[in-house]
PDB file of N, CA and C in Angstrom:
ATOM      1  N   MET A   1      10.045  11.737   8.550  1.00  0.00           N
ATOM      2  CA  MET A   1       9.118  11.652   7.430  1.00  0.00           C
ATOM      3  C   MET A   1       9.246  12.913   6.614  1.00  0.00           C
ATOM      4  N   ALA A   2       9.030  12.812   5.286  1.00  0.00           N
ATOM      5  CA  ALA A   2       9.137  13.807   4.364  1.00  0.00           C
ATOM      6  C   ALA A   2       7.946  13.717   3.328  1.00  0.00           C
ATOM      7  N   LEU A   3       7.251  14.776   3.051  1.00  0.00           N
ATOM      8  CA  LEU A   3       6.301  14.860   2.042  1.00  0.00           C
ATOM      9  C   LEU A   3       6.805  15.171   0.649  1.00  0.00           C
ATOM     10  N   ARG A   4       6.286  14.585  -0.254  1.00  0.00           N
ATOM     11  CA  ARG A   4       6.844  14.529  -1.780  1.00  0.00           C
ATOM     12  C   ARG A   4       5.543  14.965  -2.587  1.00  0.00           C
ATOM     13  N   TYR A   5       5.710  15.874  -3.467  1.00  0.00           N
ATOM     14  CA  TYR A   5       4.552  16.401  -4.170  1.00  0.00           C
ATOM     15  C   TYR A   5       4.549  15.985  -5.654  1.00  0.00           C
ATOM     16  N   TYR A   6       5.367  14.893  -5.981  1.00  0.00           N
ATOM     17  CA  TYR A   6       5.576  14.471  -7.385  1.00  0.00           C
ATOM     18  C   TYR A   6       4.219  14.169  -7.913  1.00  0.00           C
ATOM     19  N   ARG A   7       3.269  13.491  -7.112  1.00  0.00           N
ATOM     20  CA  ARG A   7       1.942  13.157  -7.419  1.00  0.00           C
ATOM     21  C   ARG A   7       1.123  14.267  -7.991  1.00  0.00           C
ATOM     22  N   LEU A   8       1.325  15.497  -7.485  1.00  0.00           N
ATOM     23  CA  LEU A   8       0.573  16.668  -7.898  1.00  0.00           C
ATOM     24  C   LEU A   8       1.017  17.118  -9.104  1.00  0.00           C
ATOM     25  N   PHE A   9       2.348  17.009  -9.510  1.00  0.00           N
ATOM     26  CA  PHE A   9       2.910  17.239 -10.877  1.00  0.00           C
ATOM     27  C   PHE A   9       2.552  16.362 -11.829  1.00  0.00           C
ATOM     28  N   ASP A  10       2.534  15.143 -11.493  1.00  0.00           N
ATOM     29  CA  ASP A  10       2.009  14.064 -12.418  1.00  0.00           C
ATOM     30  C   ASP A  10       0.508  14.322 -12.815  1.00  0.00           C
ATOM     31  N   LEU A  11      -0.194  14.661 -11.790  1.00  0.00           N
ATOM     32  CA  LEU A  11      -1.634  14.892 -12.042  1.00  0.00           C
ATOM     33  C   LEU A  11      -1.871  16.042 -12.975  1.00  0.00           C
ATOM     34  N   LEU A  12      -1.060  17.246 -12.879  1.00  0.00           N
ATOM     35  CA  LEU A  12      -1.183  18.237 -13.603  1.00  0.00           C
ATOM     36  C   LEU A  12      -0.721  18.000 -15.108  1.00  0.00           C
ATOM     37  N   ASN A  13       0.191  17.129 -15.132  1.00  0.00           N
ATOM     38  CA  ASN A  13       0.788  16.683 -16.544  1.00  0.00           C
ATOM     39  C   ASN A  13      -0.404  15.863 -17.194  1.00  0.00           C
ATOM     40  N   ARG A  14      -1.015  15.058 -16.621  1.00  0.00           N
ATOM     41  CA  ARG A  14      -2.018  14.267 -17.073  1.00  0.00           C
ATOM     42  C   ARG A  14      -3.263  15.121 -17.655  1.00  0.00           C
ATOM     43  N   ARG A  15      -3.461  16.152 -16.937  1.00  0.00           N
ATOM     44  CA  ARG A  15      -4.522  17.254 -17.247  1.00  0.00           C
ATOM     45  C   ARG A  15      -4.211  18.096 -18.251  1.00  0.00           C
ATOM     46  N   GLY A  16      -3.025  18.197 -18.713  1.00  0.00           N
ATOM     47  CA  GLY A  16      -2.391  19.203 -19.557  1.00  0.00           C
ATOM     48  C   GLY A  16      -2.231  20.415 -19.030  1.00  0.00           C
ATOM     49  N   MET A  17      -1.859  20.654 -17.701  1.00  0.00           N
ATOM     50  CA  MET A  17      -1.703  21.666 -17.019  1.00  0.00           C
ATOM     51  C   MET A  17      -0.094  21.875 -16.646  1.00  0.00           C
ATOM     52  N   LYS A  18       0.297  23.157 -16.516  1.00  0.00           N
ATOM     53  CA  LYS A  18       1.694  23.469 -16.077  1.00  0.00           C
ATOM     54  C   LYS A  18       1.733  23.805 -14.686  1.00  0.00           C
ATOM     55  N   LYS A  19       2.898  23.675 -14.031  1.00  0.00           N
ATOM     56  CA  LYS A  19       3.013  24.120 -12.776  1.00  0.00           C
ATOM     57  C   LYS A  19       2.439  25.440 -12.346  1.00  0.00           C
ATOM     58  N   THR A  20       2.801  26.432 -13.330  1.00  0.00           N
ATOM     59  CA  THR A  20       2.346  27.785 -13.155  1.00  0.00           C
ATOM     60  C   THR A  20       0.963  27.975 -13.330  1.00  0.00           C
ATOM     61  N   ASP A  21       0.144  26.992 -13.828  1.00  0.00           N
ATOM     62  CA  ASP A  21      -1.229  27.046 -13.896  1.00  0.00           C
ATOM     63  C   ASP A  21      -1.815  27.168 -12.403  1.00  0.00           C
ATOM     64  N   LEU A  22      -1.092  26.474 -11.426  1.00  0.00           N
ATOM     65  CA  LEU A  22      -1.668  26.503 -10.092  1.00  0.00           C
ATOM     66  C   LEU A  22      -1.576  27.939  -9.510  1.00  0.00           C
ATOM     67  N   LEU A  23      -0.832  28.727 -10.121  1.00  0.00           N
ATOM     68  CA  LEU A  23      -0.791  30.092  -9.694  1.00  0.00           C
ATOM     69  C   LEU A  23      -2.225  30.847  -9.859  1.00  0.00           C
ATOM     70  N   THR A  24      -2.723  30.596 -10.976  1.00  0.00           N
ATOM     71  CA  THR A  24      -4.155  31.181 -11.377  1.00  0.00           C
ATOM     72  C   THR A  24      -5.376  30.405 -10.818  1.00  0.00           C
ATOM     73  N   VAL A  25      -5.187  28.978 -11.062  1.00  0.00           N
ATOM     74  CA  VAL A  25      -6.355  28.141 -10.790  1.00  0.00           C
ATOM     75  C   VAL A  25      -6.647  27.905  -9.377  1.00  0.00           C
ATOM     76  N   VAL A  26      -5.481  27.849  -8.531  1.00  0.00           N
ATOM     77  CA  VAL A  26      -5.517  27.690  -6.967  1.00  0.00           C
ATOM     78  C   VAL A  26      -5.496  29.016  -6.475  1.00  0.00           C
ATOM     79  N   GLY A  27      -4.794  30.040  -6.975  1.00  0.00           N
ATOM     80  CA  GLY A  27      -4.567  31.138  -6.346  1.00  0.00           C
ATOM     81  C   GLY A  27      -3.283  31.139  -5.363  1.00  0.00           C
ATOM     82  N   ILE A  28      -2.328  30.299  -5.606  1.00  0.00           N
ATOM     83  CA  ILE A  28      -1.214  30.257  -4.683  1.00  0.00           C
ATOM     84  C   ILE A  28      -0.177  31.205  -5.177  1.00  0.00           C
ATOM     85  N   SER A  29       0.833  31.561  -4.226  1.00  0.00           N
ATOM     86  CA  SER A  29       1.939  32.458  -4.739  1.00  0.00           C
ATOM     87  C   SER A  29       3.205  31.747  -5.341  1.00  0.00           C
ATOM     88  N   SER A  30       3.992  32.527  -5.969  1.00  0.00           N
ATOM     89  CA  SER A  30       5.180  31.745  -6.595  1.00  0.00           C
ATOM     90  C   SER A  30       6.040  31.099  -5.508  1.00  0.00           C
ATOM     91  N   PRO A  31       6.259  31.872  -4.417  1.00  0.00           N
ATOM     92  CA  PRO A  31       7.224  31.113  -3.365  1.00  0.00           C
ATOM     93  C   PRO A  31       6.570  29.793  -2.831  1.00  0.00           C
ATOM     94  N   THR A  32       5.118  29.798  -2.751  1.00  0.00           N
ATOM     95  CA  THR A  32       4.581  28.486  -2.405  1.00  0.00           C
ATOM     96  C   THR A  32       4.710  27.389  -3.507  1.00  0.00           C
ATOM     97  N   LEU A  33       4.619  27.806  -4.816  1.00  0.00           N
ATOM     98  CA  LEU A  33       4.816  26.952  -5.849  1.00  0.00           C
ATOM     99  C   LEU A  33       6.285  26.379  -5.858  1.00  0.00           C
ATOM    100  N   ALA A  34       7.125  27.366  -5.413  1.00  0.00           N
ATOM    101  CA  ALA A  34       8.603  26.775  -5.299  1.00  0.00           C
ATOM    102  C   ALA A  34       8.616  25.861  -4.167  1.00  0.00           C
ATOM    103  N   LYS A  35       8.155  26.125  -2.973  1.00  0.00           N
ATOM    104  CA  LYS A  35       8.141  25.191  -1.949  1.00  0.00           C
ATOM    105  C   LYS A  35       7.665  23.736  -2.423  1.00  0.00           C
ATOM    106  N   LEU A  36       6.419  23.760  -3.079  1.00  0.00           N
ATOM    107  CA  LEU A  36       5.923  22.444  -3.475  1.00  0.00           C
ATOM    108  C   LEU A  36       6.838  21.767  -4.516  1.00  0.00           C
ATOM    109  N   SER A  37       7.532  22.675  -5.354  1.00  0.00           N
ATOM    110  CA  SER A  37       8.542  21.738  -6.361  1.00  0.00           C
ATOM    111  C   SER A  37       9.633  21.374  -5.473  1.00  0.00           C
ATOM    112  N   LYS A  38      10.145  22.041  -4.430  1.00  0.00           N
ATOM    113  CA  LYS A  38      11.181  21.464  -3.790  1.00  0.00           C
ATOM    114  C   LYS A  38      10.863  20.522  -2.570  1.00  0.00           C
ATOM    115  N   GLY A  39       9.642  20.124  -2.479  1.00  0.00           N
ATOM    116  CA  GLY A  39       9.239  19.255  -1.502  1.00  0.00           C
ATOM    117  C   GLY A  39       9.295  19.831   0.002  1.00  0.00           C
ATOM    118  N   GLN A  40       9.256  21.197   0.045  1.00  0.00           N
ATOM    119  CA  GLN A  40       9.249  21.581   1.336  1.00  0.00           C
ATOM    120  C   GLN A  40       7.827  21.788   1.927  1.00  0.00           C
ATOM    121  N   PRO A  41       7.758  21.905   3.183  1.00  0.00           N
ATOM    122  CA  PRO A  41       6.442  21.956   3.863  1.00  0.00           C
ATOM    123  C   PRO A  41       5.440  23.151   3.574  1.00  0.00           C
ATOM    124  N   VAL A  42       4.312  22.798   3.233  1.00  0.00           N
ATOM    125  CA  VAL A  42       3.236  24.087   2.987  1.00  0.00           C
ATOM    126  C   VAL A  42       2.177  23.948   3.769  1.00  0.00           C
ATOM    127  N   ASN A  43       1.403  25.079   4.051  1.00  0.00           N
ATOM    128  CA  ASN A  43       0.338  25.052   4.969  1.00  0.00           C
ATOM    129  C   ASN A  43      -0.930  24.141   4.530  1.00  0.00           C
ATOM    130  N   THR A  44      -1.474  23.399   5.390  1.00  0.00           N
ATOM    131  CA  THR A  44      -2.592  22.507   4.968  1.00  0.00           C
ATOM    132  C   THR A  44      -3.724  23.335   4.342  1.00  0.00           C
ATOM    133  N   GLU A  45      -3.902  24.532   4.458  1.00  0.00           N
ATOM    134  CA  GLU A  45      -4.958  25.270   3.766  1.00  0.00           C
ATOM    135  C   GLU A  45      -4.512  25.209   2.104  1.00  0.00           C
ATOM    136  N   ILE A  46      -3.318  25.226   1.888  1.00  0.00           N
ATOM    137  CA  ILE A  46      -2.745  25.184   0.459  1.00  0.00           C
ATOM    138  C   ILE A  46      -3.223  23.874  -0.135  1.00  0.00           C
ATOM    139  N   ILE A  47      -2.944  22.785   0.666  1.00  0.00           N
ATOM    140  CA  ILE A  47      -3.246  21.445   0.275  1.00  0.00           C
ATOM    141  C   ILE A  47      -4.815  21.273   0.117  1.00  0.00           C
ATOM    142  N   ASP A  48      -5.544  22.091   0.796  1.00  0.00           N
ATOM    143  CA  ASP A  48      -6.984  22.063   0.766  1.00  0.00           C
ATOM    144  C   ASP A  48      -7.542  22.766  -0.569  1.00  0.00           C
ATOM    145  N   ARG A  49      -6.939  23.854  -0.858  1.00  0.00           N
ATOM    146  CA  ARG A  49      -7.153  24.699  -1.725  1.00  0.00           C
ATOM    147  C   ARG A  49      -6.820  24.040  -2.976  1.00  0.00           C
ATOM    148  N   ILE A  50      -5.744  23.344  -3.261  1.00  0.00           N
ATOM    149  CA  ILE A  50      -5.487  22.587  -4.403  1.00  0.00           C
ATOM    150  C   ILE A  50      -6.374  21.459  -4.651  1.00  0.00           C
ATOM    151  N   CYS A  51      -6.686  20.724  -3.652  1.00  0.00           N
ATOM    152  CA  CYS A  51      -7.693  19.540  -3.747  1.00  0.00           C
ATOM    153  C   CYS A  51      -8.962  19.951  -4.120  1.00  0.00           C
ATOM    154  N   ILE A  52      -9.460  21.103  -3.705  1.00  0.00           N
ATOM    155  CA  ILE A  52     -10.735  21.574  -4.199  1.00  0.00           C
ATOM    156  C   ILE A  52     -10.694  22.061  -5.435  1.00  0.00           C
ATOM    157  N   ALA A  53      -9.572  22.680  -5.981  1.00  0.00           N
ATOM    158  CA  ALA A  53      -9.583  23.232  -7.292  1.00  0.00           C
ATOM    159  C   ALA A  53      -9.369  22.126  -8.374  1.00  0.00           C
ATOM    160  N   LEU A  54      -8.557  20.923  -7.925  1.00  0.00           N
ATOM    161  CA  LEU A  54      -8.363  19.983  -8.882  1.00  0.00           C
ATOM    162  C   LEU A  54      -9.250  18.663  -8.639  1.00  0.00           C
ATOM    163  N   ASN A  55     -10.298  18.829  -7.845  1.00  0.00           N
ATOM    164  CA  ASN A  55     -11.247  17.784  -7.355  1.00  0.00           C
ATOM    165  C   ASN A  55     -10.681  16.433  -7.155  1.00  0.00           C
ATOM    166  N   CYS A  56      -9.631  16.491  -6.099  1.00  0.00           N
ATOM    167  CA  CYS A  56      -8.839  15.355  -5.809  1.00  0.00           C
ATOM    168  C   CYS A  56      -8.780  15.251  -4.287  1.00  0.00           C
ATOM    169  N   GLN A  57      -7.985  14.155  -3.744  1.00  0.00           N
ATOM    170  CA  GLN A  57      -7.810  14.061  -2.321  1.00  0.00           C
ATOM    171  C   GLN A  57      -6.433  14.240  -2.064  1.00  0.00           C
ATOM    172  N   PRO A  58      -5.930  14.426  -0.898  1.00  0.00           N
ATOM    173  CA  PRO A  58      -4.596  14.773  -0.599  1.00  0.00           C
ATOM    174  C   PRO A  58      -3.489  13.662  -0.984  1.00  0.00           C
ATOM    175  N   GLY A  59      -4.021  12.417  -0.955  1.00  0.00           N
ATOM    176  CA  GLY A  59      -3.174  11.375  -1.410  1.00  0.00           C
ATOM    177  C   GLY A  59      -2.929  11.235  -2.841  1.00  0.00           C
ATOM    178  N   ASP A  60      -3.741  11.911  -3.630  1.00  0.00           N
ATOM    179  CA  ASP A  60      -3.545  12.167  -4.947  1.00  0.00           C
ATOM    180  C   ASP A  60      -2.452  13.132  -5.238  1.00  0.00           C
ATOM    181  N   ILE A  61      -2.125  13.857  -4.455  1.00  0.00           N
ATOM    182  CA  ILE A  61      -1.006  15.082  -4.819  1.00  0.00           C
ATOM    183  C   ILE A  61       0.221  15.038  -4.041  1.00  0.00           C
ATOM    184  N   MET A  62       0.159  14.053  -2.881  1.00  0.00           N
ATOM    185  CA  MET A  62       1.431  13.924  -2.197  1.00  0.00           C
ATOM    186  C   MET A  62       1.684  12.670  -1.651  1.00  0.00           C
ATOM    187  N   GLU A  63       2.866  12.340  -1.152  1.00  0.00           N
ATOM    188  CA  GLU A  63       3.075  11.138  -0.549  1.00  0.00           C
ATOM    189  C   GLU A  63       4.236  11.409   0.670  1.00  0.00           C
ATOM    190  N   CYS A  64       3.874  10.673   1.732  1.00  0.00           N
ATOM    191  CA  CYS A  64       4.747  10.857   2.879  1.00  0.00           C
ATOM    192  C   CYS A  64       5.832   9.619   2.852  1.00  0.00           C
ATOM    193  N   LEU A  65       7.161  10.089   2.753  1.00  0.00           N
ATOM    194  CA  LEU A  65       8.130   9.009   2.708  1.00  0.00           C
ATOM    195  C   LEU A  65       8.876   9.055   3.952  1.00  0.00           C
ATOM    196  N   PRO A  66       9.388   7.646   4.540  1.00  0.00           N
ATOM    197  CA  PRO A  66      10.199   7.701   5.603  1.00  0.00           C
ATOM    198  C   PRO A  66      11.615   8.365   5.214  1.00  0.00           C
ATOM    199  N   ASN A  67      12.396   8.811   6.162  1.00  0.00           N
ATOM    200  CA  ASN A  67      13.748   9.561   5.758  1.00  0.00           C
ATOM    201  C   ASN A  67      14.483   8.664   5.061  1.00  0.00           C
ATOM    202  N   GLU A  68      14.574   7.269   5.379  1.00  0.00           N
ATOM    203  CA  GLU A  68      15.564   6.563   4.708  1.00  0.00           C
ATOM    204  C   GLU A  68      15.243   6.588   2.997  1.00  0.00           C
ATOM    205  N   GLU A  69      13.929   6.609   2.638  1.00  0.00           N
ATOM    206  CA  GLU A  69      13.616   6.532   1.366  1.00  0.00           C
ATOM    207  C   GLU A  69      13.957   8.016   0.660  1.00  0.00           C
ATOM    208  N   VAL A  70      13.860   8.991   1.445  1.00  0.00           N
ATOM    209  CA  VAL A  70      14.002  10.562   0.904  1.00  0.00           C
ATOM    210  C   VAL A  70      15.523  10.536   0.539  1.00  0.00           C
ATOM    211  N   GLU A  71      16.341   9.929   1.482  1.00  0.00           N
ATOM    212  CA  GLU A  71      17.938   9.986   1.124  1.00  0.00           C
ATOM    213  C   GLU A  71      18.346   9.255  -0.102  1.00  0.00           C
ATOM    214  N   VAL A  72      17.718   8.036  -0.432  1.00  0.00           N
ATOM    215  CA  VAL A  72      17.943   7.279  -1.263  1.00  0.00           C
ATOM    216  C   VAL A  72      17.477   7.888  -2.664  1.00  0.00           C
ATOM    217  N   ARG A  73      16.318   8.473  -2.770  1.00  0.00           N
ATOM    218  CA  ARG A  73      15.867   9.173  -3.942  1.00  0.00           C
ATOM    219  C   ARG A  73      16.585  10.190  -4.363  1.00  0.00           C
TER     220      ARG A  73
END
């Protein structure tokens, strides 16, 4: 299984925000933003902080895909 955060970036786009806005709004670091952009694992505390700041649920910002789907995409 692999997590993908494209929903987070779609949500930001719909709200007129940029990826870099997460640095100030959520208070995450640049390396954490890079991990999100690359679909790499991040701490659940980060997911919690993003959800609180954006008033959303984890399913609104990420999706868990089986390995077969990850390889095809």
